[in-house]
Amino acid sequence: MRRMLIFSVIFSVSFAVLAFLGIAQAEASEFSADMFIVPKGDEPMKGKIFVKGDKVKQETSGEDETQVMIIRPDKKLTWMISPEDKTYIEMPYQSTDRTFEEWTADKEKNAKFLGQETVSGIPCKKYELIEDGEKTSLWISTQFPFPIKIEDSEMTMEYKNIKLGPLEDSLFELPEGYDKMAMPIVPPKD
C-alpha cells in the first residue's frame, strides 16, 4: 500500500511538472538534475530526472524503495518500474495536446508575478497561482523552459545540480529481465 502511495505521489508530481513543461511539445532539450520532493508530514524523497526531447526518466528514492518512471510519448507509453522487484507497470501515455507556449500563456493570465529570485543557483521568476482554491508557487528558470521549484500545500519539489547536455538513448528504455505486472485496479470510494 505504501508503495502505491509513493507511486501516486511521484506520478502526480511528474505529470504536474510535465504539464507545466509542455514537454511533449517543447523544443528538444537534454538535461539531468537531482530532484528533491518533501511531502508535508511525510518522509522526504530524493531522486533524479533525465529529459531528452519528449522522453523523460525520473528515479525517486524514499525509505527502502526506489521507483522509476519512464515517459515515452513516441511509443504512447509510460512505464512505472520497481528495481527491487524487477517488475514494471505499463500505462498509456496521455498527451496534453497543448503547446508549451499555450499552456504558459494560460497560466500566466491567472498567475501573479512576485519577482525574481535565485533558486539552486539559477535565476528564476517567481509566480503564485491559485487554481480550484489551491495555491501553488512556481519558480521558473529565466535560462531554461522549466520550473526549478514548485511548492503547494501538499509538498515542495526542487531541482538542483542541473546539467545541460546530451544523454544516452538507453536511459529511456526498459531494463532487460524485468517482468510486466498488471495495472492495479483501485476500487471506487463509497
N, C-alpha and C. Protein backbone atom coordinates (compact mmCIF):
# COMPACT_ATOMS: atom_id res chain seq x y z
N MET A 1 0.83 -1.19 0.00
CA MET A 1 0.00 0.00 0.00
C MET A 1 0.87 1.26 0.00
N ARG A 2 1.92 1.25 0.82
CA ARG A 2 2.83 2.39 0.90
C ARG A 2 3.49 2.63 -0.46
N ARG A 3 3.86 1.53 -1.12
CA ARG A 3 4.49 1.64 -2.44
C ARG A 3 3.56 2.30 -3.44
N MET A 4 2.29 1.93 -3.42
CA MET A 4 1.33 2.53 -4.35
C MET A 4 1.13 4.01 -4.03
N LEU A 5 1.18 4.39 -2.74
CA LEU A 5 1.07 5.80 -2.36
C LEU A 5 2.25 6.57 -2.91
N ILE A 6 3.44 6.01 -2.77
CA ILE A 6 4.63 6.67 -3.31
C ILE A 6 4.52 6.79 -4.82
N PHE A 7 4.10 5.70 -5.50
CA PHE A 7 3.87 5.75 -6.94
C PHE A 7 2.91 6.88 -7.29
N SER A 8 1.81 6.98 -6.54
CA SER A 8 0.80 8.01 -6.81
C SER A 8 1.37 9.41 -6.67
N VAL A 9 2.13 9.63 -5.60
CA VAL A 9 2.73 10.95 -5.38
C VAL A 9 3.69 11.28 -6.51
N ILE A 10 4.57 10.35 -6.83
CA ILE A 10 5.55 10.58 -7.89
C ILE A 10 4.84 10.82 -9.22
N PHE A 11 3.87 9.98 -9.52
CA PHE A 11 3.13 10.09 -10.78
C PHE A 11 2.43 11.44 -10.88
N SER A 12 1.76 11.85 -9.80
CA SER A 12 1.03 13.13 -9.80
C SER A 12 1.97 14.30 -9.96
N VAL A 13 3.06 14.29 -9.21
CA VAL A 13 4.03 15.38 -9.29
C VAL A 13 4.64 15.42 -10.68
N SER A 14 4.99 14.27 -11.21
CA SER A 14 5.61 14.23 -12.53
C SER A 14 4.70 14.79 -13.60
N PHE A 15 3.43 14.40 -13.57
CA PHE A 15 2.53 14.92 -14.58
C PHE A 15 2.26 16.40 -14.39
N ALA A 16 2.28 16.88 -13.15
CA ALA A 16 2.13 18.32 -12.92
C ALA A 16 3.31 19.06 -13.54
N VAL A 17 4.51 18.53 -13.31
CA VAL A 17 5.70 19.16 -13.88
C VAL A 17 5.68 19.07 -15.39
N LEU A 18 5.35 17.90 -15.92
CA LEU A 18 5.34 17.73 -17.37
C LEU A 18 4.27 18.57 -18.02
N ALA A 19 3.13 18.73 -17.35
CA ALA A 19 2.10 19.61 -17.89
C ALA A 19 2.63 21.03 -17.93
N PHE A 20 3.35 21.43 -16.88
CA PHE A 20 3.91 22.77 -16.87
C PHE A 20 4.94 22.92 -17.98
N LEU A 21 5.76 21.92 -18.13
CA LEU A 21 6.79 21.98 -19.16
C LEU A 21 6.20 21.93 -20.56
N GLY A 22 5.05 21.31 -20.71
CA GLY A 22 4.54 21.03 -22.04
C GLY A 22 5.55 20.19 -22.78
N ILE A 23 6.15 19.26 -22.05
CA ILE A 23 7.34 18.58 -22.51
C ILE A 23 7.15 17.89 -23.86
N ALA A 24 5.97 17.36 -24.11
CA ALA A 24 5.76 16.65 -25.37
C ALA A 24 5.82 17.60 -26.56
N GLN A 25 5.58 18.88 -26.30
CA GLN A 25 5.57 19.86 -27.38
C GLN A 25 6.79 20.78 -27.35
N ALA A 26 7.59 20.67 -26.30
CA ALA A 26 8.70 21.62 -26.10
C ALA A 26 9.81 21.38 -27.12
N GLU A 27 10.65 22.40 -27.25
CA GLU A 27 11.82 22.25 -28.10
C GLU A 27 12.66 21.10 -27.55
N ALA A 28 13.37 20.43 -28.44
CA ALA A 28 14.23 19.35 -27.99
C ALA A 28 15.30 19.90 -27.08
N SER A 29 15.38 19.36 -25.88
CA SER A 29 16.42 19.75 -24.94
C SER A 29 16.83 18.51 -24.18
N GLU A 30 18.05 18.54 -23.68
CA GLU A 30 18.56 17.42 -22.90
C GLU A 30 19.17 17.95 -21.63
N PHE A 31 18.74 17.38 -20.50
CA PHE A 31 19.32 17.77 -19.23
C PHE A 31 19.06 16.69 -18.19
N SER A 32 19.83 16.77 -17.12
CA SER A 32 19.59 15.92 -15.95
C SER A 32 19.67 16.83 -14.73
N ALA A 33 19.05 16.38 -13.65
CA ALA A 33 19.07 17.16 -12.41
C ALA A 33 18.77 16.25 -11.23
N ASP A 34 19.25 16.64 -10.07
CA ASP A 34 18.84 16.00 -8.83
C ASP A 34 17.50 16.57 -8.45
N MET A 35 16.63 15.73 -7.91
CA MET A 35 15.27 16.14 -7.58
C MET A 35 15.03 15.86 -6.10
N PHE A 36 14.43 16.84 -5.43
CA PHE A 36 14.09 16.69 -4.02
C PHE A 36 12.61 16.96 -3.84
N ILE A 37 11.88 15.99 -3.28
CA ILE A 37 10.45 16.12 -3.02
C ILE A 37 10.24 15.99 -1.52
N VAL A 38 9.61 17.00 -0.92
CA VAL A 38 9.33 16.98 0.51
C VAL A 38 7.82 17.06 0.70
N PRO A 39 7.16 15.89 0.87
CA PRO A 39 5.72 15.91 1.15
C PRO A 39 5.48 16.44 2.56
N LYS A 40 4.45 17.24 2.74
CA LYS A 40 4.13 17.77 4.07
C LYS A 40 3.76 16.60 4.98
N GLY A 41 4.42 16.52 6.13
CA GLY A 41 4.11 15.48 7.11
C GLY A 41 4.59 14.09 6.75
N ASP A 42 5.49 13.96 5.79
CA ASP A 42 5.97 12.64 5.38
C ASP A 42 7.47 12.71 5.17
N GLU A 43 8.06 11.56 4.91
CA GLU A 43 9.50 11.47 4.69
C GLU A 43 9.89 12.11 3.36
N PRO A 44 10.99 12.87 3.35
CA PRO A 44 11.47 13.44 2.08
C PRO A 44 11.89 12.33 1.12
N MET A 45 11.76 12.62 -0.17
CA MET A 45 12.21 11.71 -1.22
C MET A 45 13.22 12.46 -2.08
N LYS A 46 14.18 11.72 -2.58
CA LYS A 46 15.14 12.33 -3.48
C LYS A 46 15.24 11.48 -4.72
N GLY A 47 15.75 12.07 -5.76
CA GLY A 47 15.87 11.32 -6.99
C GLY A 47 16.59 12.11 -8.06
N LYS A 48 16.41 11.65 -9.29
CA LYS A 48 17.00 12.31 -10.45
C LYS A 48 15.95 12.37 -11.54
N ILE A 49 16.10 13.36 -12.40
CA ILE A 49 15.27 13.45 -13.59
C ILE A 49 16.19 13.60 -14.79
N PHE A 50 15.81 12.94 -15.87
CA PHE A 50 16.54 13.00 -17.13
C PHE A 50 15.53 13.35 -18.21
N VAL A 51 15.86 14.33 -19.04
CA VAL A 51 14.95 14.74 -20.12
C VAL A 51 15.74 14.79 -21.41
N LYS A 52 15.20 14.13 -22.44
CA LYS A 52 15.80 14.16 -23.78
C LYS A 52 14.66 14.37 -24.76
N GLY A 53 14.48 15.62 -25.19
CA GLY A 53 13.35 15.94 -26.07
C GLY A 53 12.06 15.66 -25.34
N ASP A 54 11.25 14.75 -25.87
CA ASP A 54 9.97 14.43 -25.22
C ASP A 54 10.06 13.21 -24.30
N LYS A 55 11.24 12.61 -24.17
CA LYS A 55 11.41 11.45 -23.30
C LYS A 55 11.84 11.91 -21.91
N VAL A 56 11.23 11.30 -20.88
CA VAL A 56 11.54 11.67 -19.51
C VAL A 56 11.75 10.42 -18.68
N LYS A 57 12.78 10.44 -17.85
CA LYS A 57 13.00 9.37 -16.88
C LYS A 57 13.16 10.03 -15.52
N GLN A 58 12.44 9.49 -14.55
CA GLN A 58 12.50 10.02 -13.20
C GLN A 58 12.76 8.87 -12.24
N GLU A 59 13.80 9.00 -11.42
CA GLU A 59 14.12 8.00 -10.40
C GLU A 59 13.92 8.65 -9.04
N THR A 60 13.14 8.00 -8.17
CA THR A 60 12.86 8.56 -6.86
C THR A 60 13.12 7.51 -5.79
N SER A 61 13.83 7.91 -4.73
CA SER A 61 14.10 7.02 -3.61
C SER A 61 13.47 7.57 -2.36
N GLY A 62 12.86 6.69 -1.59
CA GLY A 62 12.29 7.05 -0.31
C GLY A 62 12.27 5.83 0.57
N GLU A 63 12.64 5.97 1.83
CA GLU A 63 12.75 4.84 2.75
C GLU A 63 13.64 3.78 2.12
N ASP A 64 13.12 2.56 1.92
CA ASP A 64 13.93 1.47 1.36
C ASP A 64 13.58 1.15 -0.08
N GLU A 65 12.89 2.05 -0.76
CA GLU A 65 12.41 1.77 -2.11
C GLU A 65 12.95 2.78 -3.12
N THR A 66 13.10 2.31 -4.33
CA THR A 66 13.39 3.18 -5.47
C THR A 66 12.30 2.94 -6.50
N GLN A 67 11.74 4.01 -7.02
CA GLN A 67 10.72 3.92 -8.06
C GLN A 67 11.25 4.67 -9.28
N VAL A 68 11.00 4.11 -10.45
CA VAL A 68 11.45 4.72 -11.70
C VAL A 68 10.25 4.87 -12.61
N MET A 69 10.14 6.04 -13.23
CA MET A 69 9.09 6.27 -14.21
C MET A 69 9.76 6.72 -15.50
N ILE A 70 9.40 6.08 -16.60
CA ILE A 70 9.89 6.48 -17.92
C ILE A 70 8.68 6.85 -18.76
N ILE A 71 8.69 8.05 -19.30
CA ILE A 71 7.60 8.53 -20.14
C ILE A 71 8.10 8.56 -21.58
N ARG A 72 7.38 7.84 -22.45
CA ARG A 72 7.76 7.71 -23.86
C ARG A 72 6.59 8.10 -24.75
N PRO A 73 6.40 9.40 -25.01
CA PRO A 73 5.31 9.82 -25.90
C PRO A 73 5.44 9.21 -27.30
N ASP A 74 6.67 8.96 -27.75
CA ASP A 74 6.86 8.37 -29.08
C ASP A 74 6.26 6.97 -29.17
N LYS A 75 6.19 6.26 -28.06
CA LYS A 75 5.59 4.92 -28.00
C LYS A 75 4.18 4.97 -27.41
N LYS A 76 3.76 6.19 -27.00
CA LYS A 76 2.46 6.38 -26.34
C LYS A 76 2.35 5.53 -25.07
N LEU A 77 3.49 5.46 -24.31
CA LEU A 77 3.56 4.63 -23.11
C LEU A 77 4.24 5.35 -21.95
N THR A 78 3.85 4.96 -20.75
CA THR A 78 4.55 5.33 -19.53
C THR A 78 4.83 4.03 -18.78
N TRP A 79 6.06 3.87 -18.31
CA TRP A 79 6.42 2.69 -17.53
C TRP A 79 6.71 3.11 -16.09
N MET A 80 6.13 2.43 -15.13
CA MET A 80 6.44 2.59 -13.71
C MET A 80 7.25 1.34 -13.34
N ILE A 81 8.49 1.53 -12.91
CA ILE A 81 9.42 0.43 -12.72
C ILE A 81 9.81 0.31 -11.25
N SER A 82 9.85 -0.93 -10.76
CA SER A 82 10.29 -1.23 -9.40
C SER A 82 11.58 -2.04 -9.49
N PRO A 83 12.75 -1.38 -9.33
CA PRO A 83 14.02 -2.10 -9.45
C PRO A 83 14.19 -3.22 -8.42
N GLU A 84 13.68 -3.02 -7.19
CA GLU A 84 13.84 -4.05 -6.16
C GLU A 84 13.14 -5.35 -6.55
N ASP A 85 11.96 -5.25 -7.17
CA ASP A 85 11.18 -6.42 -7.57
C ASP A 85 11.47 -6.87 -9.00
N LYS A 86 12.22 -6.04 -9.74
CA LYS A 86 12.45 -6.28 -11.18
C LYS A 86 11.13 -6.44 -11.92
N THR A 87 10.20 -5.50 -11.64
CA THR A 87 8.89 -5.51 -12.29
C THR A 87 8.59 -4.11 -12.83
N TYR A 88 7.59 -4.05 -13.73
CA TYR A 88 7.13 -2.76 -14.23
C TYR A 88 5.65 -2.83 -14.56
N ILE A 89 5.03 -1.66 -14.54
CA ILE A 89 3.64 -1.50 -14.95
C ILE A 89 3.65 -0.60 -16.18
N GLU A 90 2.90 -0.99 -17.20
CA GLU A 90 2.82 -0.21 -18.44
C GLU A 90 1.47 0.48 -18.51
N MET A 91 1.50 1.79 -18.77
CA MET A 91 0.26 2.57 -18.86
C MET A 91 0.27 3.38 -20.15
N PRO A 92 -0.90 3.70 -20.68
CA PRO A 92 -0.93 4.56 -21.87
C PRO A 92 -0.50 5.97 -21.51
N TYR A 93 0.23 6.60 -22.40
CA TYR A 93 0.65 7.99 -22.22
C TYR A 93 -0.48 8.91 -22.67
N GLN A 94 -0.75 9.92 -21.86
CA GLN A 94 -1.80 10.90 -22.18
C GLN A 94 -1.13 12.24 -22.51
N SER A 95 -1.28 12.70 -23.72
CA SER A 95 -0.71 13.99 -24.14
C SER A 95 -1.65 15.12 -23.75
N THR A 96 -1.07 16.27 -23.44
CA THR A 96 -1.88 17.45 -23.10
C THR A 96 -2.45 18.12 -24.34
N ASP A 97 -1.90 17.81 -25.51
CA ASP A 97 -2.35 18.39 -26.77
C ASP A 97 -2.23 19.91 -26.82
N ARG A 98 -1.52 20.50 -25.90
CA ARG A 98 -1.31 21.95 -25.89
C ARG A 98 0.19 22.22 -25.93
N THR A 99 0.57 23.24 -26.66
CA THR A 99 1.98 23.57 -26.71
C THR A 99 2.41 24.23 -25.41
N PHE A 100 3.70 24.23 -25.18
CA PHE A 100 4.27 24.89 -24.01
C PHE A 100 3.84 26.36 -23.97
N GLU A 101 3.89 27.02 -25.12
CA GLU A 101 3.54 28.43 -25.17
C GLU A 101 2.08 28.66 -24.80
N GLU A 102 1.17 27.81 -25.30
CA GLU A 102 -0.26 27.93 -24.97
C GLU A 102 -0.50 27.71 -23.49
N TRP A 103 0.13 26.68 -22.94
CA TRP A 103 -0.07 26.36 -21.53
C TRP A 103 0.47 27.50 -20.66
N THR A 104 1.67 27.97 -20.99
CA THR A 104 2.29 29.04 -20.19
C THR A 104 1.46 30.31 -20.26
N ALA A 105 1.01 30.69 -21.44
CA ALA A 105 0.19 31.90 -21.58
C ALA A 105 -1.08 31.79 -20.75
N ASP A 106 -1.71 30.62 -20.75
CA ASP A 106 -2.92 30.41 -19.96
C ASP A 106 -2.62 30.54 -18.46
N LYS A 107 -1.53 29.94 -18.00
CA LYS A 107 -1.17 30.01 -16.57
C LYS A 107 -0.79 31.42 -16.16
N GLU A 108 -0.04 32.11 -17.02
CA GLU A 108 0.41 33.46 -16.67
C GLU A 108 -0.75 34.43 -16.56
N LYS A 109 -1.85 34.18 -17.28
CA LYS A 109 -3.04 35.03 -17.14
C LYS A 109 -3.57 34.97 -15.72
N ASN A 110 -3.48 33.80 -15.10
CA ASN A 110 -4.02 33.59 -13.76
C ASN A 110 -2.97 33.66 -12.67
N ALA A 111 -1.70 33.71 -13.03
CA ALA A 111 -0.63 33.71 -12.04
C ALA A 111 -0.23 35.14 -11.71
N LYS A 112 0.18 35.31 -10.48
CA LYS A 112 0.66 36.61 -10.01
C LYS A 112 2.18 36.56 -9.98
N PHE A 113 2.81 37.49 -10.71
CA PHE A 113 4.27 37.58 -10.72
C PHE A 113 4.72 38.21 -9.41
N LEU A 114 5.59 37.52 -8.67
CA LEU A 114 6.03 38.00 -7.36
C LEU A 114 7.43 38.59 -7.37
N GLY A 115 8.16 38.42 -8.46
CA GLY A 115 9.50 38.98 -8.52
C GLY A 115 10.52 37.95 -8.98
N GLN A 116 11.78 38.32 -8.85
CA GLN A 116 12.87 37.44 -9.28
C GLN A 116 13.59 36.92 -8.04
N GLU A 117 13.95 35.65 -8.08
CA GLU A 117 14.71 35.01 -7.00
C GLU A 117 15.68 34.02 -7.63
N THR A 118 16.73 33.71 -6.90
CA THR A 118 17.68 32.69 -7.33
C THR A 118 17.39 31.42 -6.55
N VAL A 119 17.19 30.32 -7.27
CA VAL A 119 16.93 29.02 -6.65
C VAL A 119 17.95 28.02 -7.21
N SER A 120 18.66 27.35 -6.32
CA SER A 120 19.69 26.38 -6.73
C SER A 120 20.70 27.00 -7.69
N GLY A 121 21.00 28.27 -7.47
CA GLY A 121 21.97 28.97 -8.29
C GLY A 121 21.45 29.41 -9.65
N ILE A 122 20.15 29.25 -9.89
CA ILE A 122 19.54 29.58 -11.18
C ILE A 122 18.63 30.80 -11.00
N PRO A 123 18.79 31.86 -11.81
CA PRO A 123 17.86 32.98 -11.73
C PRO A 123 16.47 32.55 -12.18
N CYS A 124 15.46 32.91 -11.39
CA CYS A 124 14.09 32.47 -11.66
C CYS A 124 13.10 33.62 -11.51
N LYS A 125 11.97 33.48 -12.19
CA LYS A 125 10.81 34.34 -11.97
C LYS A 125 9.88 33.56 -11.03
N LYS A 126 9.44 34.21 -9.96
CA LYS A 126 8.55 33.55 -9.01
C LYS A 126 7.11 33.96 -9.30
N TYR A 127 6.23 32.95 -9.36
CA TYR A 127 4.81 33.17 -9.60
C TYR A 127 3.99 32.50 -8.51
N GLU A 128 2.82 33.07 -8.25
CA GLU A 128 1.84 32.42 -7.39
C GLU A 128 0.61 32.15 -8.24
N LEU A 129 0.13 30.93 -8.19
CA LEU A 129 -1.00 30.51 -9.00
C LEU A 129 -2.05 29.93 -8.07
N ILE A 130 -3.30 30.35 -8.24
CA ILE A 130 -4.39 29.78 -7.45
C ILE A 130 -5.39 29.17 -8.43
N GLU A 131 -5.54 27.84 -8.32
CA GLU A 131 -6.50 27.09 -9.14
C GLU A 131 -7.31 26.19 -8.23
N ASP A 132 -8.61 26.23 -8.40
CA ASP A 132 -9.52 25.42 -7.58
C ASP A 132 -9.25 25.63 -6.09
N GLY A 133 -8.93 26.87 -5.70
CA GLY A 133 -8.69 27.20 -4.31
C GLY A 133 -7.33 26.77 -3.78
N GLU A 134 -6.52 26.14 -4.60
CA GLU A 134 -5.21 25.64 -4.21
C GLU A 134 -4.12 26.60 -4.67
N LYS A 135 -3.29 27.06 -3.72
CA LYS A 135 -2.20 27.98 -4.04
C LYS A 135 -0.93 27.19 -4.35
N THR A 136 -0.31 27.54 -5.46
CA THR A 136 0.95 26.92 -5.87
C THR A 136 1.94 28.03 -6.19
N SER A 137 3.16 27.90 -5.67
CA SER A 137 4.24 28.82 -6.00
C SER A 137 5.16 28.12 -6.99
N LEU A 138 5.54 28.85 -8.04
CA LEU A 138 6.39 28.31 -9.10
C LEU A 138 7.59 29.22 -9.28
N TRP A 139 8.78 28.64 -9.32
CA TRP A 139 9.99 29.38 -9.63
C TRP A 139 10.44 28.90 -11.00
N ILE A 140 10.26 29.75 -12.02
CA ILE A 140 10.53 29.38 -13.40
C ILE A 140 11.89 29.94 -13.81
N SER A 141 12.75 29.07 -14.31
CA SER A 141 14.08 29.49 -14.74
C SER A 141 13.98 30.54 -15.83
N THR A 142 14.85 31.53 -15.74
CA THR A 142 14.93 32.52 -16.82
C THR A 142 15.89 32.02 -17.92
N GLN A 143 16.58 30.90 -17.66
CA GLN A 143 17.54 30.36 -18.61
C GLN A 143 17.02 29.16 -19.39
N PHE A 144 16.15 28.33 -18.77
CA PHE A 144 15.64 27.12 -19.40
C PHE A 144 14.12 27.12 -19.28
N PRO A 145 13.42 26.41 -20.17
CA PRO A 145 11.95 26.43 -20.12
C PRO A 145 11.35 25.41 -19.16
N PHE A 146 11.73 25.50 -17.86
CA PHE A 146 11.11 24.59 -16.89
C PHE A 146 11.20 25.18 -15.49
N PRO A 147 10.32 24.70 -14.60
CA PRO A 147 10.34 25.19 -13.22
C PRO A 147 11.49 24.55 -12.44
N ILE A 148 12.16 25.34 -11.63
CA ILE A 148 13.23 24.84 -10.77
C ILE A 148 12.65 24.37 -9.44
N LYS A 149 11.55 25.02 -9.03
CA LYS A 149 10.93 24.68 -7.74
C LYS A 149 9.42 24.88 -7.85
N ILE A 150 8.67 23.94 -7.24
CA ILE A 150 7.21 24.03 -7.17
C ILE A 150 6.83 23.74 -5.72
N GLU A 151 5.98 24.60 -5.17
CA GLU A 151 5.56 24.41 -3.78
C GLU A 151 4.06 24.63 -3.67
N ASP A 152 3.37 23.68 -3.02
CA ASP A 152 1.94 23.85 -2.73
C ASP A 152 1.68 23.35 -1.32
N SER A 153 0.42 23.21 -0.94
CA SER A 153 0.09 22.82 0.43
C SER A 153 0.44 21.37 0.72
N GLU A 154 0.67 20.57 -0.30
CA GLU A 154 0.96 19.14 -0.11
C GLU A 154 2.45 18.81 -0.10
N MET A 155 3.25 19.56 -0.87
CA MET A 155 4.66 19.22 -0.99
C MET A 155 5.46 20.34 -1.63
N THR A 156 6.78 20.18 -1.54
CA THR A 156 7.72 21.05 -2.24
C THR A 156 8.61 20.15 -3.09
N MET A 157 8.82 20.55 -4.35
CA MET A 157 9.71 19.82 -5.24
C MET A 157 10.72 20.82 -5.80
N GLU A 158 11.99 20.43 -5.78
CA GLU A 158 13.03 21.32 -6.27
C GLU A 158 14.08 20.53 -7.04
N TYR A 159 14.56 21.12 -8.14
CA TYR A 159 15.65 20.55 -8.92
C TYR A 159 16.94 21.26 -8.54
N LYS A 160 18.01 20.47 -8.37
CA LYS A 160 19.33 21.03 -8.06
C LYS A 160 20.35 20.34 -8.96
N ASN A 161 21.54 20.91 -9.03
CA ASN A 161 22.63 20.35 -9.83
C ASN A 161 22.19 20.07 -11.27
N ILE A 162 21.57 21.04 -11.88
CA ILE A 162 21.05 20.90 -13.25
C ILE A 162 22.22 20.89 -14.24
N LYS A 163 22.23 19.87 -15.10
CA LYS A 163 23.29 19.74 -16.10
C LYS A 163 22.66 19.64 -17.48
N LEU A 164 22.97 20.61 -18.33
CA LEU A 164 22.52 20.58 -19.72
C LEU A 164 23.53 19.78 -20.53
N GLY A 165 23.04 18.96 -21.45
CA GLY A 165 23.95 18.21 -22.30
C GLY A 165 23.35 16.90 -22.75
N PRO A 166 24.01 16.24 -23.71
CA PRO A 166 23.48 15.02 -24.31
C PRO A 166 23.34 13.87 -23.30
N LEU A 167 22.28 13.08 -23.50
CA LEU A 167 22.01 11.89 -22.68
C LEU A 167 21.90 10.68 -23.60
N GLU A 168 22.28 9.52 -23.10
CA GLU A 168 22.19 8.27 -23.86
C GLU A 168 20.74 7.85 -24.05
N ASP A 169 20.39 7.36 -25.24
CA ASP A 169 19.04 6.85 -25.51
C ASP A 169 18.68 5.69 -24.59
N SER A 170 19.68 4.90 -24.20
CA SER A 170 19.42 3.71 -23.38
C SER A 170 18.83 4.06 -22.01
N LEU A 171 19.01 5.29 -21.55
CA LEU A 171 18.41 5.73 -20.28
C LEU A 171 16.89 5.63 -20.31
N PHE A 172 16.30 5.71 -21.50
CA PHE A 172 14.85 5.80 -21.65
C PHE A 172 14.22 4.48 -22.13
N GLU A 173 14.94 3.39 -21.96
CA GLU A 173 14.45 2.06 -22.33
C GLU A 173 14.18 1.23 -21.08
N LEU A 174 13.28 0.24 -21.21
CA LEU A 174 13.03 -0.71 -20.12
C LEU A 174 14.29 -1.54 -19.89
N PRO A 175 14.65 -1.78 -18.62
CA PRO A 175 15.79 -2.66 -18.38
C PRO A 175 15.44 -4.10 -18.77
N GLU A 176 16.43 -4.85 -19.21
CA GLU A 176 16.21 -6.25 -19.59
C GLU A 176 15.96 -7.10 -18.35
N GLY A 177 15.12 -8.15 -18.53
CA GLY A 177 14.90 -9.10 -17.45
C GLY A 177 13.83 -8.68 -16.45
N TYR A 178 13.07 -7.63 -16.73
CA TYR A 178 12.01 -7.18 -15.82
C TYR A 178 10.68 -7.79 -16.25
N ASP A 179 9.83 -8.14 -15.28
CA ASP A 179 8.53 -8.73 -15.56
C ASP A 179 7.44 -7.67 -15.57
N LYS A 180 6.54 -7.78 -16.55
CA LYS A 180 5.41 -6.87 -16.66
C LYS A 180 4.33 -7.30 -15.66
N MET A 181 3.83 -6.33 -14.90
CA MET A 181 2.75 -6.57 -13.94
C MET A 181 1.47 -5.94 -14.47
N ALA A 182 0.33 -6.48 -14.04
CA ALA A 182 -0.96 -5.90 -14.42
C ALA A 182 -1.16 -4.60 -13.66
N MET A 183 -1.83 -3.65 -14.30
CA MET A 183 -2.16 -2.38 -13.66
C MET A 183 -3.14 -2.64 -12.52
N PRO A 184 -2.83 -2.17 -11.28
CA PRO A 184 -3.75 -2.42 -10.17
C PRO A 184 -5.06 -1.66 -10.37
N ILE A 185 -6.14 -2.28 -9.97
CA ILE A 185 -7.46 -1.66 -10.07
C ILE A 185 -7.81 -1.08 -8.71
N VAL A 186 -8.09 0.22 -8.69
CA VAL A 186 -8.45 0.89 -7.45
C VAL A 186 -9.97 0.84 -7.32
N PRO A 187 -10.48 0.24 -6.23
CA PRO A 187 -11.94 0.18 -6.08
C PRO A 187 -12.53 1.57 -5.87
N PRO A 188 -13.74 1.80 -6.39
CA PRO A 188 -14.37 3.11 -6.20
C PRO A 188 -14.70 3.35 -4.73
N LYS A 189 -14.65 4.63 -4.35
CA LYS A 189 -14.99 5.01 -2.98
C LYS A 189 -16.50 4.97 -2.82
N ASP A 190 -16.94 4.57 -1.63
CA ASP A 190 -18.38 4.56 -1.35
C ASP A 190 -18.89 5.93 -1.03
